[in-house]
Amino acid sequence: MPVKSGMPEYNSLVRVKTSITLPKELLGKLDRMDKNRSALLERAARAYLLELERQARDLRDIEVIDRVAERLNREAVDTLDYQQLP
């Protein structure tokens, strides 16, 4: 049963033939998911790389937030103090 995702459809343009070695049981699972191993592995690799990029972006965001957290917290407390009713 082929799995569809938001990834671009596989096409045979500008491809480089390569060889990889995988466990037999993994190949069996791949074949049950999609008869076109190359397309399935390409989609999987692209999805994995997108996830790695997302994780790296999130880590950079956290570093920025951590660097300015004290200032942001002071501004938040100042805003809350200003908003208090008399």
N, C-alpha and C. Protein backbone atom coordinates (compact mmCIF):
# COMPACT_ATOMS: atom_id res chain seq x y z
N MET A 1 0.84 -1.17 0.00
CA MET A 1 0.00 0.00 0.00
C MET A 1 0.89 1.24 0.00
N PRO A 2 0.95 1.98 -1.10
CA PRO A 2 1.80 3.16 -1.19
C PRO A 2 1.36 4.24 -0.22
N VAL A 3 2.36 4.93 0.32
CA VAL A 3 2.07 6.01 1.26
C VAL A 3 2.30 7.34 0.55
N LYS A 4 1.30 8.19 0.59
CA LYS A 4 1.41 9.51 -0.03
C LYS A 4 1.73 10.52 1.06
N SER A 5 2.45 11.53 0.69
CA SER A 5 2.78 12.58 1.65
C SER A 5 2.81 13.91 0.91
N GLY A 6 3.20 14.95 1.63
CA GLY A 6 3.30 16.26 1.02
C GLY A 6 4.57 16.43 0.20
N MET A 7 5.33 15.36 0.07
CA MET A 7 6.59 15.43 -0.67
C MET A 7 6.32 15.42 -2.17
N PRO A 8 7.22 16.03 -2.97
CA PRO A 8 7.03 16.02 -4.42
C PRO A 8 7.02 14.59 -4.96
N GLU A 9 6.28 14.39 -6.01
CA GLU A 9 6.23 13.07 -6.64
C GLU A 9 7.60 12.72 -7.21
N TYR A 10 7.89 11.44 -7.22
CA TYR A 10 9.14 10.94 -7.77
C TYR A 10 9.11 11.03 -9.29
N ASN A 11 10.20 11.47 -9.86
CA ASN A 11 10.33 11.38 -11.32
C ASN A 11 11.75 10.94 -11.64
N SER A 12 11.97 10.53 -12.85
CA SER A 12 13.26 9.93 -13.18
C SER A 12 14.27 10.93 -13.75
N LEU A 13 13.99 12.22 -13.68
CA LEU A 13 14.91 13.21 -14.22
C LEU A 13 16.05 13.49 -13.26
N VAL A 14 17.24 13.68 -13.80
CA VAL A 14 18.44 14.07 -13.06
C VAL A 14 18.65 13.18 -11.83
N ARG A 15 18.73 11.92 -12.03
CA ARG A 15 18.98 10.97 -10.96
C ARG A 15 20.37 10.38 -11.13
N VAL A 16 21.00 10.03 -10.03
CA VAL A 16 22.30 9.39 -10.04
C VAL A 16 22.12 8.00 -9.45
N LYS A 17 22.53 7.00 -10.17
CA LYS A 17 22.39 5.63 -9.68
C LYS A 17 23.42 5.39 -8.58
N THR A 18 22.96 4.76 -7.52
CA THR A 18 23.85 4.45 -6.41
C THR A 18 23.50 3.07 -5.87
N SER A 19 24.31 2.56 -5.02
CA SER A 19 24.06 1.25 -4.44
C SER A 19 24.18 1.37 -2.92
N ILE A 20 23.21 0.80 -2.21
CA ILE A 20 23.28 0.79 -0.76
C ILE A 20 23.00 -0.64 -0.28
N THR A 21 23.41 -0.94 0.90
CA THR A 21 23.18 -2.25 1.49
C THR A 21 22.26 -2.08 2.69
N LEU A 22 21.13 -2.80 2.66
CA LEU A 22 20.14 -2.72 3.73
C LEU A 22 19.79 -4.13 4.19
N PRO A 23 19.33 -4.25 5.43
CA PRO A 23 18.89 -5.57 5.91
C PRO A 23 17.70 -6.09 5.09
N LYS A 24 17.65 -7.39 4.90
CA LYS A 24 16.61 -8.02 4.09
C LYS A 24 15.22 -7.69 4.63
N GLU A 25 15.04 -7.71 5.96
CA GLU A 25 13.72 -7.44 6.52
C GLU A 25 13.29 -6.00 6.25
N LEU A 26 14.23 -5.07 6.22
CA LEU A 26 13.90 -3.68 5.91
C LEU A 26 13.46 -3.56 4.45
N LEU A 27 14.18 -4.24 3.57
CA LEU A 27 13.78 -4.22 2.15
C LEU A 27 12.38 -4.78 1.96
N GLY A 28 12.06 -5.83 2.71
CA GLY A 28 10.72 -6.40 2.62
C GLY A 28 9.67 -5.39 3.04
N LYS A 29 9.92 -4.66 4.11
CA LYS A 29 8.98 -3.63 4.57
C LYS A 29 8.86 -2.51 3.54
N LEU A 30 9.98 -2.11 2.96
CA LEU A 30 9.95 -1.07 1.93
C LEU A 30 9.10 -1.53 0.74
N ASP A 31 9.31 -2.75 0.32
CA ASP A 31 8.58 -3.27 -0.83
C ASP A 31 7.08 -3.36 -0.56
N ARG A 32 6.70 -3.62 0.68
CA ARG A 32 5.27 -3.67 1.01
C ARG A 32 4.65 -2.27 1.01
N MET A 33 5.46 -1.24 1.24
CA MET A 33 4.95 0.13 1.27
C MET A 33 4.85 0.74 -0.12
N ASP A 34 5.81 0.43 -0.97
CA ASP A 34 5.85 1.04 -2.30
C ASP A 34 6.67 0.14 -3.21
N LYS A 35 6.15 -0.16 -4.38
CA LYS A 35 6.90 -1.04 -5.29
C LYS A 35 8.11 -0.33 -5.88
N ASN A 36 8.15 0.99 -5.81
CA ASN A 36 9.28 1.75 -6.32
C ASN A 36 10.18 2.14 -5.15
N ARG A 37 11.17 1.29 -4.88
CA ARG A 37 12.07 1.53 -3.75
C ARG A 37 12.76 2.89 -3.84
N SER A 38 13.21 3.23 -5.02
CA SER A 38 13.94 4.50 -5.17
C SER A 38 13.07 5.69 -4.77
N ALA A 39 11.83 5.67 -5.21
CA ALA A 39 10.92 6.77 -4.87
C ALA A 39 10.68 6.82 -3.37
N LEU A 40 10.45 5.66 -2.77
CA LEU A 40 10.20 5.61 -1.33
C LEU A 40 11.42 6.09 -0.54
N LEU A 41 12.60 5.61 -0.91
CA LEU A 41 13.81 6.01 -0.20
C LEU A 41 14.12 7.49 -0.41
N GLU A 42 13.83 8.01 -1.60
CA GLU A 42 14.03 9.44 -1.84
C GLU A 42 13.11 10.27 -0.94
N ARG A 43 11.84 9.89 -0.89
CA ARG A 43 10.90 10.62 -0.03
C ARG A 43 11.32 10.54 1.44
N ALA A 44 11.75 9.35 1.86
CA ALA A 44 12.18 9.17 3.25
C ALA A 44 13.40 10.03 3.56
N ALA A 45 14.36 10.05 2.65
CA ALA A 45 15.57 10.85 2.87
C ALA A 45 15.24 12.34 2.92
N ARG A 46 14.38 12.79 2.01
CA ARG A 46 13.99 14.20 2.02
C ARG A 46 13.26 14.57 3.31
N ALA A 47 12.35 13.71 3.75
CA ALA A 47 11.61 13.97 4.99
C ALA A 47 12.57 14.01 6.17
N TYR A 48 13.52 13.09 6.22
CA TYR A 48 14.49 13.04 7.32
C TYR A 48 15.36 14.29 7.32
N LEU A 49 15.82 14.71 6.15
CA LEU A 49 16.65 15.91 6.06
C LEU A 49 15.87 17.16 6.46
N LEU A 50 14.60 17.24 6.07
CA LEU A 50 13.76 18.36 6.50
C LEU A 50 13.62 18.39 8.02
N GLU A 51 13.47 17.21 8.62
CA GLU A 51 13.36 17.13 10.08
C GLU A 51 14.66 17.57 10.75
N LEU A 52 15.80 17.15 10.21
CA LEU A 52 17.08 17.59 10.77
C LEU A 52 17.24 19.11 10.66
N GLU A 53 16.82 19.68 9.52
CA GLU A 53 16.89 21.13 9.34
C GLU A 53 15.97 21.84 10.34
N ARG A 54 14.77 21.28 10.58
CA ARG A 54 13.83 21.87 11.54
C ARG A 54 14.42 21.84 12.95
N GLN A 55 15.03 20.71 13.30
CA GLN A 55 15.64 20.60 14.63
C GLN A 55 16.77 21.60 14.80
N ALA A 56 17.60 21.75 13.77
CA ALA A 56 18.71 22.71 13.84
C ALA A 56 18.18 24.14 13.96
N ARG A 57 17.12 24.47 13.22
CA ARG A 57 16.50 25.80 13.31
C ARG A 57 15.94 26.02 14.71
N ASP A 58 15.27 25.01 15.25
CA ASP A 58 14.71 25.14 16.60
C ASP A 58 15.80 25.37 17.64
N LEU A 59 16.92 24.66 17.51
CA LEU A 59 18.03 24.85 18.43
C LEU A 59 18.59 26.27 18.34
N ARG A 60 18.70 26.80 17.12
CA ARG A 60 19.18 28.18 16.96
C ARG A 60 18.20 29.15 17.60
N ASP A 61 16.90 28.92 17.43
CA ASP A 61 15.89 29.78 18.04
C ASP A 61 16.00 29.76 19.56
N ILE A 62 16.17 28.56 20.13
CA ILE A 62 16.30 28.43 21.58
C ILE A 62 17.53 29.17 22.08
N GLU A 63 18.63 29.09 21.34
CA GLU A 63 19.85 29.80 21.74
C GLU A 63 19.61 31.31 21.77
N VAL A 64 18.89 31.83 20.77
CA VAL A 64 18.58 33.26 20.73
C VAL A 64 17.70 33.64 21.91
N ILE A 65 16.66 32.85 22.15
CA ILE A 65 15.75 33.13 23.27
C ILE A 65 16.50 33.09 24.59
N ASP A 66 17.36 32.08 24.76
CA ASP A 66 18.14 31.98 26.00
C ASP A 66 19.04 33.19 26.20
N ARG A 67 19.62 33.70 25.11
CA ARG A 67 20.52 34.86 25.22
C ARG A 67 19.78 36.10 25.70
N VAL A 68 18.52 36.25 25.32
CA VAL A 68 17.78 37.47 25.65
C VAL A 68 16.68 37.23 26.68
N ALA A 69 16.66 36.04 27.28
CA ALA A 69 15.58 35.67 28.20
C ALA A 69 15.47 36.63 29.38
N GLU A 70 16.57 36.99 29.98
CA GLU A 70 16.52 37.87 31.15
C GLU A 70 15.88 39.21 30.80
N ARG A 71 16.29 39.78 29.68
CA ARG A 71 15.72 41.06 29.26
C ARG A 71 14.22 40.91 28.95
N LEU A 72 13.86 39.85 28.25
CA LEU A 72 12.45 39.62 27.93
C LEU A 72 11.62 39.44 29.19
N ASN A 73 12.16 38.73 30.17
CA ASN A 73 11.44 38.53 31.43
C ASN A 73 11.25 39.85 32.17
N ARG A 74 12.28 40.69 32.17
CA ARG A 74 12.15 42.01 32.82
C ARG A 74 11.08 42.85 32.13
N GLU A 75 11.06 42.82 30.80
CA GLU A 75 10.05 43.56 30.06
C GLU A 75 8.64 43.03 30.36
N ALA A 76 8.50 41.73 30.49
CA ALA A 76 7.20 41.14 30.79
C ALA A 76 6.73 41.55 32.17
N VAL A 77 7.62 41.53 33.15
CA VAL A 77 7.26 41.94 34.51
C VAL A 77 6.90 43.43 34.52
N ASP A 78 7.66 44.23 33.81
CA ASP A 78 7.38 45.66 33.73
C ASP A 78 5.99 45.90 33.13
N THR A 79 5.67 45.17 32.07
CA THR A 79 4.36 45.31 31.43
C THR A 79 3.24 44.89 32.38
N LEU A 80 3.45 43.78 33.08
CA LEU A 80 2.43 43.32 34.03
C LEU A 80 2.25 44.31 35.17
N ASP A 81 3.35 44.88 35.65
CA ASP A 81 3.26 45.89 36.71
C ASP A 81 2.50 47.11 36.23
N TYR A 82 2.73 47.52 35.02
CA TYR A 82 2.06 48.68 34.45
C TYR A 82 0.55 48.45 34.31
N GLN A 83 0.18 47.19 34.00
CA GLN A 83 -1.22 46.86 33.76
C GLN A 83 -2.03 46.65 35.04
N GLN A 84 -1.37 46.60 36.18
CA GLN A 84 -2.11 46.37 37.43
C GLN A 84 -3.06 47.52 37.72
N LEU A 85 -4.22 47.14 38.25
CA LEU A 85 -5.20 48.15 38.62
C LEU A 85 -4.77 48.85 39.89
N PRO A 86 -5.12 50.13 40.00
CA PRO A 86 -4.73 50.88 41.21
C PRO A 86 -5.49 50.39 42.44
